[in-house]
Amino acid sequence: MPSPEVVGILLSPRRRGSYLGFERTDVHAPVLLARWIRWRHRGTCLVPWSDVDHVEDGAVVLDAQYRRESPLLSR
């Protein structure tokens, strides 16, 4: 089993706390649950770790030109 690797951080304009992984998959069914999950995590993006400038006590500071990528996991 490969070692875990930090590829970035999840950034959301609306939510604090755990995502439980639902923002990382493309859920399609059941339909009502899938719609609620998409609505709940709207605007969430993945910021690559290379775009993190530094980490302070209680804060992560991003580069001025950080990239916003899809939070979905590739298969």
PDB file of N, CA and C in Angstrom:
ATOM      1  N   MET A   1       0.846  -1.170   0.000  1.00  0.00           N
ATOM      2  CA  MET A   1       0.000   0.000   0.000  1.00  0.00           C
ATOM      3  C   MET A   1       0.899   1.244   0.000  1.00  0.00           C
ATOM      4  N   PRO A   2       0.650   2.190  -0.903  1.00  0.00           N
ATOM      5  CA  PRO A   2       1.489   3.394  -0.960  1.00  0.00           C
ATOM      6  C   PRO A   2       1.274   4.299   0.260  1.00  0.00           C
ATOM      7  N   SER A   3       2.271   5.092   0.552  1.00  0.00           N
ATOM      8  CA  SER A   3       2.174   6.041   1.659  1.00  0.00           C
ATOM      9  C   SER A   3       1.235   7.176   1.288  1.00  0.00           C
ATOM     10  N   PRO A   4       0.498   7.689   2.269  1.00  0.00           N
ATOM     11  CA  PRO A   4      -0.382   8.825   1.980  1.00  0.00           C
ATOM     12  C   PRO A   4       0.433  10.048   1.555  1.00  0.00           C
ATOM     13  N   GLU A   5      -0.164  10.863   0.719  1.00  0.00           N
ATOM     14  CA  GLU A   5       0.510  12.053   0.211  1.00  0.00           C
ATOM     15  C   GLU A   5      -0.456  13.234   0.287  1.00  0.00           C
ATOM     16  N   VAL A   6       0.003  14.356   0.802  1.00  0.00           N
ATOM     17  CA  VAL A   6      -0.810  15.567   0.836  1.00  0.00           C
ATOM     18  C   VAL A   6      -0.700  16.230  -0.535  1.00  0.00           C
ATOM     19  N   VAL A   7      -1.837  16.358  -1.227  1.00  0.00           N
ATOM     20  CA  VAL A   7      -1.825  16.970  -2.553  1.00  0.00           C
ATOM     21  C   VAL A   7      -2.381  18.382  -2.523  1.00  0.00           C
ATOM     22  N   GLY A   8      -3.103  18.733  -1.467  1.00  0.00           N
ATOM     23  CA  GLY A   8      -3.664  20.069  -1.379  1.00  0.00           C
ATOM     24  C   GLY A   8      -4.606  20.194  -0.205  1.00  0.00           C
ATOM     25  N   ILE A   9      -5.313  21.324  -0.172  1.00  0.00           N
ATOM     26  CA  ILE A   9      -6.297  21.550   0.876  1.00  0.00           C
ATOM     27  C   ILE A   9      -7.639  21.859   0.228  1.00  0.00           C
ATOM     28  N   LEU A  10      -8.714  21.498   0.912  1.00  0.00           N
ATOM     29  CA  LEU A  10     -10.049  21.811   0.428  1.00  0.00           C
ATOM     30  C   LEU A  10     -10.437  23.182   0.951  1.00  0.00           C
ATOM     31  N   LEU A  11     -10.977  23.988   0.059  1.00  0.00           N
ATOM     32  CA  LEU A  11     -11.361  25.350   0.387  1.00  0.00           C
ATOM     33  C   LEU A  11     -12.849  25.499   0.074  1.00  0.00           C
ATOM     34  N   SER A  12     -13.602  25.998   1.055  1.00  0.00           N
ATOM     35  CA  SER A  12     -15.039  26.179   0.855  1.00  0.00           C
ATOM     36  C   SER A  12     -15.451  27.562   1.329  1.00  0.00           C
ATOM     37  N   PRO A  13     -16.298  28.234   0.551  1.00  0.00           N
ATOM     38  CA  PRO A  13     -16.765  29.552   0.960  1.00  0.00           C
ATOM     39  C   PRO A  13     -17.843  29.493   2.035  1.00  0.00           C
ATOM     40  N   ARG A  14     -18.395  28.317   2.308  1.00  0.00           N
ATOM     41  CA  ARG A  14     -19.548  28.231   3.191  1.00  0.00           C
ATOM     42  C   ARG A  14     -19.393  27.365   4.422  1.00  0.00           C
ATOM     43  N   ARG A  15     -18.462  26.467   4.443  1.00  0.00           N
ATOM     44  CA  ARG A  15     -18.497  25.407   5.433  1.00  0.00           C
ATOM     45  C   ARG A  15     -17.209  25.308   6.231  1.00  0.00           C
ATOM     46  N   ARG A  16     -17.366  25.031   7.496  1.00  0.00           N
ATOM     47  CA  ARG A  16     -16.241  24.704   8.365  1.00  0.00           C
ATOM     48  C   ARG A  16     -16.485  23.309   8.916  1.00  0.00           C
ATOM     49  N   GLY A  17     -15.422  22.604   9.180  1.00  0.00           N
ATOM     50  CA  GLY A  17     -15.580  21.277   9.749  1.00  0.00           C
ATOM     51  C   GLY A  17     -15.411  20.184   8.710  1.00  0.00           C
ATOM     52  N   SER A  18     -15.755  18.967   9.097  1.00  0.00           N
ATOM     53  CA  SER A  18     -15.533  17.793   8.271  1.00  0.00           C
ATOM     54  C   SER A  18     -16.486  17.729   7.091  1.00  0.00           C
ATOM     55  N   TYR A  19     -15.979  17.234   5.971  1.00  0.00           N
ATOM     56  CA  TYR A  19     -16.780  17.006   4.777  1.00  0.00           C
ATOM     57  C   TYR A  19     -17.231  15.555   4.673  1.00  0.00           C
ATOM     58  N   LEU A  20     -16.625  14.681   5.425  1.00  0.00           N
ATOM     59  CA  LEU A  20     -16.907  13.250   5.409  1.00  0.00           C
ATOM     60  C   LEU A  20     -16.614  12.601   4.066  1.00  0.00           C
ATOM     61  N   GLY A  21     -15.903  13.304   3.178  1.00  0.00           N
ATOM     62  CA  GLY A  21     -15.511  12.739   1.896  1.00  0.00           C
ATOM     63  C   GLY A  21     -16.528  12.870   0.786  1.00  0.00           C
ATOM     64  N   PHE A  22     -17.729  13.370   1.084  1.00  0.00           N
ATOM     65  CA  PHE A  22     -18.765  13.446   0.061  1.00  0.00           C
ATOM     66  C   PHE A  22     -18.435  14.415  -1.062  1.00  0.00           C
ATOM     67  N   GLU A  23     -17.629  15.445  -0.803  1.00  0.00           N
ATOM     68  CA  GLU A  23     -17.269  16.397  -1.850  1.00  0.00           C
ATOM     69  C   GLU A  23     -16.233  15.824  -2.804  1.00  0.00           C
ATOM     70  N   ARG A  24     -15.677  14.684  -2.475  1.00  0.00           N
ATOM     71  CA  ARG A  24     -14.596  14.085  -3.263  1.00  0.00           C
ATOM     72  C   ARG A  24     -15.085  13.058  -4.268  1.00  0.00           C
ATOM     73  N   THR A  25     -16.366  12.790  -4.312  1.00  0.00           N
ATOM     74  CA  THR A  25     -16.899  11.808  -5.255  1.00  0.00           C
ATOM     75  C   THR A  25     -18.076  12.408  -6.016  1.00  0.00           C
ATOM     76  N   ASP A  26     -18.379  11.846  -7.147  1.00  0.00           N
ATOM     77  CA  ASP A  26     -19.492  12.306  -7.963  1.00  0.00           C
ATOM     78  C   ASP A  26     -20.693  11.415  -7.669  1.00  0.00           C
ATOM     79  N   VAL A  27     -21.443  11.758  -6.628  1.00  0.00           N
ATOM     80  CA  VAL A  27     -22.581  10.959  -6.185  1.00  0.00           C
ATOM     81  C   VAL A  27     -23.765  11.201  -7.123  1.00  0.00           C
ATOM     82  N   HIS A  28     -24.406  10.118  -7.592  1.00  0.00           N
ATOM     83  CA  HIS A  28     -25.545  10.234  -8.500  1.00  0.00           C
ATOM     84  C   HIS A  28     -26.841   9.674  -7.917  1.00  0.00           C
ATOM     85  N   ALA A  29     -26.741   8.778  -6.959  1.00  0.00           N
ATOM     86  CA  ALA A  29     -27.949   8.146  -6.441  1.00  0.00           C
ATOM     87  C   ALA A  29     -27.783   7.893  -4.947  1.00  0.00           C
ATOM     88  N   PRO A  30     -28.841   7.880  -4.205  1.00  0.00           N
ATOM     89  CA  PRO A  30     -30.180   8.260  -4.617  1.00  0.00           C
ATOM     90  C   PRO A  30     -30.240   9.743  -4.999  1.00  0.00           C
ATOM     91  N   VAL A  31     -31.140  10.094  -5.890  1.00  0.00           N
ATOM     92  CA  VAL A  31     -31.174  11.420  -6.504  1.00  0.00           C
ATOM     93  C   VAL A  31     -31.298  12.538  -5.473  1.00  0.00           C
ATOM     94  N   LEU A  32     -32.193  12.410  -4.520  1.00  0.00           N
ATOM     95  CA  LEU A  32     -32.376  13.482  -3.528  1.00  0.00           C
ATOM     96  C   LEU A  32     -31.117  13.685  -2.687  1.00  0.00           C
ATOM     97  N   LEU A  33     -30.484  12.599  -2.307  1.00  0.00           N
ATOM     98  CA  LEU A  33     -29.244  12.699  -1.542  1.00  0.00           C
ATOM     99  C   LEU A  33     -28.142  13.324  -2.389  1.00  0.00           C
ATOM    100  N   ALA A  34     -28.042  12.927  -3.639  1.00  0.00           N
ATOM    101  CA  ALA A  34     -27.018  13.475  -4.538  1.00  0.00           C
ATOM    102  C   ALA A  34     -27.202  14.977  -4.720  1.00  0.00           C
ATOM    103  N   ARG A  35     -28.432  15.424  -4.906  1.00  0.00           N
ATOM    104  CA  ARG A  35     -28.703  16.863  -5.049  1.00  0.00           C
ATOM    105  C   ARG A  35     -28.336  17.625  -3.787  1.00  0.00           C
ATOM    106  N   TRP A  36     -28.697  17.068  -2.639  1.00  0.00           N
ATOM    107  CA  TRP A  36     -28.384  17.734  -1.368  1.00  0.00           C
ATOM    108  C   TRP A  36     -26.871  17.835  -1.167  1.00  0.00           C
ATOM    109  N   ILE A  37     -26.143  16.776  -1.495  1.00  0.00           N
ATOM    110  CA  ILE A  37     -24.681  16.788  -1.342  1.00  0.00           C
ATOM    111  C   ILE A  37     -24.057  17.822  -2.268  1.00  0.00           C
ATOM    112  N   ARG A  38     -24.493  17.882  -3.534  1.00  0.00           N
ATOM    113  CA  ARG A  38     -23.960  18.890  -4.465  1.00  0.00           C
ATOM    114  C   ARG A  38     -24.250  20.302  -3.967  1.00  0.00           C
ATOM    115  N   TRP A  39     -25.467  20.532  -3.453  1.00  0.00           N
ATOM    116  CA  TRP A  39     -25.828  21.857  -2.939  1.00  0.00           C
ATOM    117  C   TRP A  39     -24.983  22.202  -1.719  1.00  0.00           C
ATOM    118  N   ARG A  40     -24.825  21.260  -0.827  1.00  0.00           N
ATOM    119  CA  ARG A  40     -24.089  21.482   0.424  1.00  0.00           C
ATOM    120  C   ARG A  40     -22.628  21.839   0.167  1.00  0.00           C
ATOM    121  N   HIS A  41     -22.031  21.265  -0.867  1.00  0.00           N
ATOM    122  CA  HIS A  41     -20.608  21.466  -1.133  1.00  0.00           C
ATOM    123  C   HIS A  41     -20.345  22.370  -2.333  1.00  0.00           C
ATOM    124  N   ARG A  42     -21.336  23.139  -2.760  1.00  0.00           N
ATOM    125  CA  ARG A  42     -21.152  24.055  -3.895  1.00  0.00           C
ATOM    126  C   ARG A  42     -20.051  25.058  -3.575  1.00  0.00           C
ATOM    127  N   GLY A  43     -19.219  25.317  -4.561  1.00  0.00           N
ATOM    128  CA  GLY A  43     -18.133  26.270  -4.389  1.00  0.00           C
ATOM    129  C   GLY A  43     -16.861  25.691  -3.780  1.00  0.00           C
ATOM    130  N   THR A  44     -16.891  24.434  -3.352  1.00  0.00           N
ATOM    131  CA  THR A  44     -15.704  23.807  -2.767  1.00  0.00           C
ATOM    132  C   THR A  44     -14.680  23.539  -3.862  1.00  0.00           C
ATOM    133  N   CYS A  45     -13.420  23.801  -3.567  1.00  0.00           N
ATOM    134  CA  CYS A  45     -12.363  23.524  -4.533  1.00  0.00           C
ATOM    135  C   CYS A  45     -11.150  22.942  -3.806  1.00  0.00           C
ATOM    136  N   LEU A  46     -10.266  22.362  -4.587  1.00  0.00           N
ATOM    137  CA  LEU A  46      -9.001  21.847  -4.098  1.00  0.00           C
ATOM    138  C   LEU A  46      -7.913  22.836  -4.483  1.00  0.00           C
ATOM    139  N   VAL A  47      -7.144  23.297  -3.505  1.00  0.00           N
ATOM    140  CA  VAL A  47      -5.995  24.162  -3.768  1.00  0.00           C
ATOM    141  C   VAL A  47      -4.745  23.294  -3.629  1.00  0.00           C
ATOM    142  N   PRO A  48      -3.965  23.139  -4.711  1.00  0.00           N
ATOM    143  CA  PRO A  48      -2.768  22.299  -4.644  1.00  0.00           C
ATOM    144  C   PRO A  48      -1.801  22.765  -3.544  1.00  0.00           C
ATOM    145  N   TRP A  49      -1.158  21.813  -2.896  1.00  0.00           N
ATOM    146  CA  TRP A  49      -0.234  22.128  -1.808  1.00  0.00           C
ATOM    147  C   TRP A  49       0.892  23.046  -2.282  1.00  0.00           C
ATOM    148  N   SER A  50       1.261  22.961  -3.549  1.00  0.00           N
ATOM    149  CA  SER A  50       2.318  23.826  -4.081  1.00  0.00           C
ATOM    150  C   SER A  50       1.896  25.295  -4.097  1.00  0.00           C
ATOM    151  N   ASP A  51       0.593  25.569  -3.987  1.00  0.00           N
ATOM    152  CA  ASP A  51       0.095  26.947  -3.947  1.00  0.00           C
ATOM    153  C   ASP A  51      -0.071  27.479  -2.530  1.00  0.00           C
ATOM    154  N   VAL A  52       0.305  26.689  -1.533  1.00  0.00           N
ATOM    155  CA  VAL A  52       0.289  27.149  -0.142  1.00  0.00           C
ATOM    156  C   VAL A  52       1.598  27.879   0.130  1.00  0.00           C
ATOM    157  N   ASP A  53       1.494  29.141   0.544  1.00  0.00           N
ATOM    158  CA  ASP A  53       2.688  29.937   0.822  1.00  0.00           C
ATOM    159  C   ASP A  53       3.324  29.505   2.137  1.00  0.00           C
ATOM    160  N   HIS A  54       2.528  29.503   3.207  1.00  0.00           N
ATOM    161  CA  HIS A  54       3.025  29.024   4.494  1.00  0.00           C
ATOM    162  C   HIS A  54       1.854  28.749   5.430  1.00  0.00           C
ATOM    163  N   VAL A  55       2.165  28.053   6.513  1.00  0.00           N
ATOM    164  CA  VAL A  55       1.168  27.707   7.523  1.00  0.00           C
ATOM    165  C   VAL A  55       1.538  28.428   8.806  1.00  0.00           C
ATOM    166  N   GLU A  56       0.570  29.169   9.342  1.00  0.00           N
ATOM    167  CA  GLU A  56       0.766  29.881  10.600  1.00  0.00           C
ATOM    168  C   GLU A  56      -0.039  29.187  11.685  1.00  0.00           C
ATOM    169  N   ASP A  57       0.072  29.687  12.884  1.00  0.00           N
ATOM    170  CA  ASP A  57      -0.714  29.166  13.988  1.00  0.00           C
ATOM    171  C   ASP A  57      -2.193  29.434  13.720  1.00  0.00           C
ATOM    172  N   GLY A  58      -2.946  28.408  13.352  1.00  0.00           N
ATOM    173  CA  GLY A  58      -4.368  28.539  13.113  1.00  0.00           C
ATOM    174  C   GLY A  58      -4.763  29.048  11.745  1.00  0.00           C
ATOM    175  N   ALA A  59      -3.828  29.162  10.791  1.00  0.00           N
ATOM    176  CA  ALA A  59      -4.162  29.680   9.462  1.00  0.00           C
ATOM    177  C   ALA A  59      -3.256  29.088   8.395  1.00  0.00           C
ATOM    178  N   VAL A  60      -3.819  28.942   7.210  1.00  0.00           N
ATOM    179  CA  VAL A  60      -3.051  28.541   6.042  1.00  0.00           C
ATOM    180  C   VAL A  60      -3.058  29.730   5.095  1.00  0.00           C
ATOM    181  N   VAL A  61      -1.884  30.209   4.709  1.00  0.00           N
ATOM    182  CA  VAL A  61      -1.770  31.372   3.827  1.00  0.00           C
ATOM    183  C   VAL A  61      -1.449  30.881   2.421  1.00  0.00           C
ATOM    184  N   LEU A  62      -2.298  31.288   1.451  1.00  0.00           N
ATOM    185  CA  LEU A  62      -2.134  30.861   0.070  1.00  0.00           C
ATOM    186  C   LEU A  62      -1.339  31.886  -0.719  1.00  0.00           C
ATOM    187  N   ASP A  63      -0.685  31.414  -1.797  1.00  0.00           N
ATOM    188  CA  ASP A  63      -0.030  32.327  -2.733  1.00  0.00           C
ATOM    189  C   ASP A  63      -1.083  33.259  -3.328  1.00  0.00           C
ATOM    190  N   ALA A  64      -0.663  34.430  -3.765  1.00  0.00           N
ATOM    191  CA  ALA A  64      -1.597  35.398  -4.353  1.00  0.00           C
ATOM    192  C   ALA A  64      -2.273  34.845  -5.604  1.00  0.00           C
ATOM    193  N   GLN A  65      -1.606  33.999  -6.355  1.00  0.00           N
ATOM    194  CA  GLN A  65      -2.150  33.448  -7.606  1.00  0.00           C
ATOM    195  C   GLN A  65      -2.478  31.961  -7.468  1.00  0.00           C
ATOM    196  N   TYR A  66      -3.088  31.564  -6.351  1.00  0.00           N
ATOM    197  CA  TYR A  66      -3.382  30.143  -6.157  1.00  0.00           C
ATOM    198  C   TYR A  66      -4.415  29.658  -7.165  1.00  0.00           C
ATOM    199  N   ARG A  67      -4.341  28.354  -7.466  1.00  0.00           N
ATOM    200  CA  ARG A  67      -5.250  27.718  -8.429  1.00  0.00           C
ATOM    201  C   ARG A  67      -6.395  27.037  -7.693  1.00  0.00           C
ATOM    202  N   ARG A  68      -7.580  27.112  -8.286  1.00  0.00           N
ATOM    203  CA  ARG A  68      -8.750  26.412  -7.759  1.00  0.00           C
ATOM    204  C   ARG A  68      -9.033  25.234  -8.688  1.00  0.00           C
ATOM    205  N   GLU A  69      -8.904  24.023  -8.160  1.00  0.00           N
ATOM    206  CA  GLU A  69      -9.132  22.825  -8.965  1.00  0.00           C
ATOM    207  C   GLU A  69     -10.343  22.062  -8.432  1.00  0.00           C
ATOM    208  N   SER A  70     -10.816  21.124  -9.209  1.00  0.00           N
ATOM    209  CA  SER A  70     -11.957  20.297  -8.804  1.00  0.00           C
ATOM    210  C   SER A  70     -11.585  19.456  -7.594  1.00  0.00           C
ATOM    211  N   PRO A  71     -12.498  19.343  -6.625  1.00  0.00           N
ATOM    212  CA  PRO A  71     -12.222  18.507  -5.458  1.00  0.00           C
ATOM    213  C   PRO A  71     -12.468  17.029  -5.706  1.00  0.00           C
ATOM    214  N   LEU A  72     -13.012  16.665  -6.888  1.00  0.00           N
ATOM    215  CA  LEU A  72     -13.325  15.262  -7.162  1.00  0.00           C
ATOM    216  C   LEU A  72     -12.057  14.429  -7.277  1.00  0.00           C
ATOM    217  N   LEU A  73     -12.111  13.243  -6.719  1.00  0.00           N
ATOM    218  CA  LEU A  73     -10.995  12.303  -6.823  1.00  0.00           C
ATOM    219  C   LEU A  73     -10.988  11.687  -8.214  1.00  0.00           C
ATOM    220  N   SER A  74      -9.835  11.587  -8.818  1.00  0.00           N
ATOM    221  CA  SER A  74      -9.740  10.885 -10.092  1.00  0.00           C
ATOM    222  C   SER A  74      -9.717   9.392  -9.831  1.00  0.00           C
ATOM    223  N   ARG A  75     -10.252   8.653 -10.737  1.00  0.00           N
ATOM    224  CA  ARG A  75     -10.352   7.188 -10.547  1.00  0.00           C
ATOM    225  C   ARG A  75      -9.061   6.518 -10.876  1.00  0.00           C
TER     226      ARG A  75
END
